[in-house]
């Protein structure tokens, strides 16, 4: 009988806390974060040469080396915020 009493003590008191840990705002932030990360990967594409014998320096431009990784990191940070977002009481 004491075992059941211990389980009841560990349950959250508020009905809000007993629900889903990620709120609808958090899910929306996660969807936006995945979109931002996908945009970063799209920015990283290209830069190759049509002729394999010719080397193209277009793959080393600002968009692929600096901007795309920063956009991907911003998406990851937004995903962390979406997961860690605490619901207001």
C-alpha atoms as a PDB file:
ATOM      1  CA  UNK A   1       0.000   0.000   0.000  1.00  0.00           C
ATOM      2  CA  UNK A   2       2.876   2.364   0.717  1.00  0.00           C
ATOM      3  CA  UNK A   3       4.101   1.853  -2.829  1.00  0.00           C
ATOM      4  CA  UNK A   4       0.960   3.476  -4.293  1.00  0.00           C
ATOM      5  CA  UNK A   5       1.279   6.433  -1.923  1.00  0.00           C
ATOM      6  CA  UNK A   6       4.835   7.053  -3.172  1.00  0.00           C
ATOM      7  CA  UNK A   7       3.614   7.173  -6.770  1.00  0.00           C
ATOM      8  CA  UNK A   8       0.944   9.719  -5.907  1.00  0.00           C
ATOM      9  CA  UNK A   9       3.528  11.998  -4.285  1.00  0.00           C
ATOM     10  CA  UNK A  10       5.579  12.138  -7.502  1.00  0.00           C
ATOM     11  CA  UNK A  11       2.664  13.250  -9.690  1.00  0.00           C
ATOM     12  CA  UNK A  12       2.507  16.947 -10.638  1.00  0.00           C
ATOM     13  CA  UNK A  13      -0.018  19.042  -8.759  1.00  0.00           C
ATOM     14  CA  UNK A  14      -1.164  21.245 -11.654  1.00  0.00           C
ATOM     15  CA  UNK A  15      -3.149  19.813 -14.529  1.00  0.00           C
ATOM     16  CA  UNK A  16      -1.098  21.965 -16.924  1.00  0.00           C
ATOM     17  CA  UNK A  17       2.135  20.264 -15.957  1.00  0.00           C
ATOM     18  CA  UNK A  18       0.645  16.814 -16.449  1.00  0.00           C
ATOM     19  CA  UNK A  19       0.090  17.494 -20.169  1.00  0.00           C
ATOM     20  CA  UNK A  20       2.450  17.420 -23.089  1.00  0.00           C
ATOM     21  CA  UNK A  21       5.884  18.894 -22.232  1.00  0.00           C
ATOM     22  CA  UNK A  22       6.230  20.644 -25.614  1.00  0.00           C
ATOM     23  CA  UNK A  23       3.524  23.251 -26.128  1.00  0.00           C
ATOM     24  CA  UNK A  24       1.951  24.260 -29.431  1.00  0.00           C
ATOM     25  CA  UNK A  25       4.227  27.324 -29.470  1.00  0.00           C
ATOM     26  CA  UNK A  26       7.214  25.006 -29.065  1.00  0.00           C
ATOM     27  CA  UNK A  27       6.055  22.795 -31.905  1.00  0.00           C
ATOM     28  CA  UNK A  28       5.632  25.862 -34.116  1.00  0.00           C
ATOM     29  CA  UNK A  29       9.175  26.962 -33.232  1.00  0.00           C
ATOM     30  CA  UNK A  30      10.452  23.474 -34.103  1.00  0.00           C
ATOM     31  CA  UNK A  31       8.765  23.550 -37.507  1.00  0.00           C
ATOM     32  CA  UNK A  32      10.231  27.001 -38.195  1.00  0.00           C
ATOM     33  CA  UNK A  33      13.651  25.777 -37.007  1.00  0.00           C
ATOM     34  CA  UNK A  34      13.591  22.837 -39.416  1.00  0.00           C
ATOM     35  CA  UNK A  35      12.642  25.228 -42.213  1.00  0.00           C
ATOM     36  CA  UNK A  36      15.552  27.533 -41.329  1.00  0.00           C
ATOM     37  CA  UNK A  37      17.948  24.575 -41.285  1.00  0.00           C
ATOM     38  CA  UNK A  38      16.651  23.388 -44.666  1.00  0.00           C
ATOM     39  CA  UNK A  39      17.217  26.909 -46.019  1.00  0.00           C
ATOM     40  CA  UNK A  40      20.802  26.733 -44.758  1.00  0.00           C
ATOM     41  CA  UNK A  41      21.390  23.479 -46.594  1.00  0.00           C
ATOM     42  CA  UNK A  42      19.886  24.939 -49.773  1.00  0.00           C
ATOM     43  CA  UNK A  43      22.242  27.914 -49.467  1.00  0.00           C
ATOM     44  CA  UNK A  44      25.150  25.482 -49.234  1.00  0.00           C
ATOM     45  CA  UNK A  45      24.408  23.738 -52.539  1.00  0.00           C
ATOM     46  CA  UNK A  46      26.004  24.476 -55.887  1.00  0.00           C
ATOM     47  CA  UNK A  47      29.370  25.874 -56.791  1.00  0.00           C
ATOM     48  CA  UNK A  48      30.504  22.919 -58.824  1.00  0.00           C
ATOM     49  CA  UNK A  49      31.861  22.974 -62.329  1.00  0.00           C
ATOM     50  CA  UNK A  50      30.184  21.378 -65.324  1.00  0.00           C
ATOM     51  CA  UNK A  51      33.529  20.203 -66.632  1.00  0.00           C
ATOM     52  CA  UNK A  52      35.365  17.873 -64.201  1.00  0.00           C
ATOM     53  CA  UNK A  53      38.742  18.977 -65.636  1.00  0.00           C
ATOM     54  CA  UNK A  54      38.148  22.610 -64.652  1.00  0.00           C
ATOM     55  CA  UNK A  55      38.398  23.648 -61.017  1.00  0.00           C
ATOM     56  CA  UNK A  56      35.799  26.183 -59.884  1.00  0.00           C
ATOM     57  CA  UNK A  57      36.472  28.582 -57.014  1.00  0.00           C
ATOM     58  CA  UNK A  58      32.744  29.340 -56.810  1.00  0.00           C
ATOM     59  CA  UNK A  59      32.410  26.743 -54.053  1.00  0.00           C
ATOM     60  CA  UNK A  60      34.495  28.935 -51.739  1.00  0.00           C
ATOM     61  CA  UNK A  61      32.297  32.031 -51.745  1.00  0.00           C
ATOM     62  CA  UNK A  62      30.795  33.771 -48.702  1.00  0.00           C
ATOM     63  CA  UNK A  63      27.365  32.175 -49.082  1.00  0.00           C
ATOM     64  CA  UNK A  64      28.601  28.580 -48.847  1.00  0.00           C
ATOM     65  CA  UNK A  65      31.440  29.017 -46.358  1.00  0.00           C
ATOM     66  CA  UNK A  66      30.005  31.558 -43.883  1.00  0.00           C
ATOM     67  CA  UNK A  67      26.327  32.308 -44.409  1.00  0.00           C
ATOM     68  CA  UNK A  68      24.939  28.774 -44.797  1.00  0.00           C
ATOM     69  CA  UNK A  69      26.575  27.367 -41.631  1.00  0.00           C
ATOM     70  CA  UNK A  70      25.400  30.398 -39.641  1.00  0.00           C
ATOM     71  CA  UNK A  71      21.838  29.896 -40.886  1.00  0.00           C
ATOM     72  CA  UNK A  72      21.995  26.207 -39.925  1.00  0.00           C
ATOM     73  CA  UNK A  73      23.310  27.075 -36.450  1.00  0.00           C
ATOM     74  CA  UNK A  74      20.510  29.631 -36.045  1.00  0.00           C
ATOM     75  CA  UNK A  75      18.035  26.865 -36.895  1.00  0.00           C
ATOM     76  CA  UNK A  76      19.581  24.567 -34.306  1.00  0.00           C
ATOM     77  CA  UNK A  77      19.419  27.327 -31.682  1.00  0.00           C
ATOM     78  CA  UNK A  78      15.772  27.951 -32.552  1.00  0.00           C
ATOM     79  CA  UNK A  79      15.059  24.224 -32.177  1.00  0.00           C
ATOM     80  CA  UNK A  80      16.656  24.234 -28.724  1.00  0.00           C
ATOM     81  CA  UNK A  81      14.503  27.224 -27.753  1.00  0.00           C
ATOM     82  CA  UNK A  82      11.428  25.400 -29.057  1.00  0.00           C
ATOM     83  CA  UNK A  83      12.206  22.315 -27.003  1.00  0.00           C
ATOM     84  CA  UNK A  84      13.237  24.133 -23.833  1.00  0.00           C
ATOM     85  CA  UNK A  85      10.413  26.694 -23.976  1.00  0.00           C
ATOM     86  CA  UNK A  86       8.582  26.617 -20.651  1.00  0.00           C
ATOM     87  CA  UNK A  87       4.805  27.016 -20.733  1.00  0.00           C
ATOM     88  CA  UNK A  88       3.505  30.035 -18.829  1.00  0.00           C
ATOM     89  CA  UNK A  89       1.163  29.357 -15.932  1.00  0.00           C
END
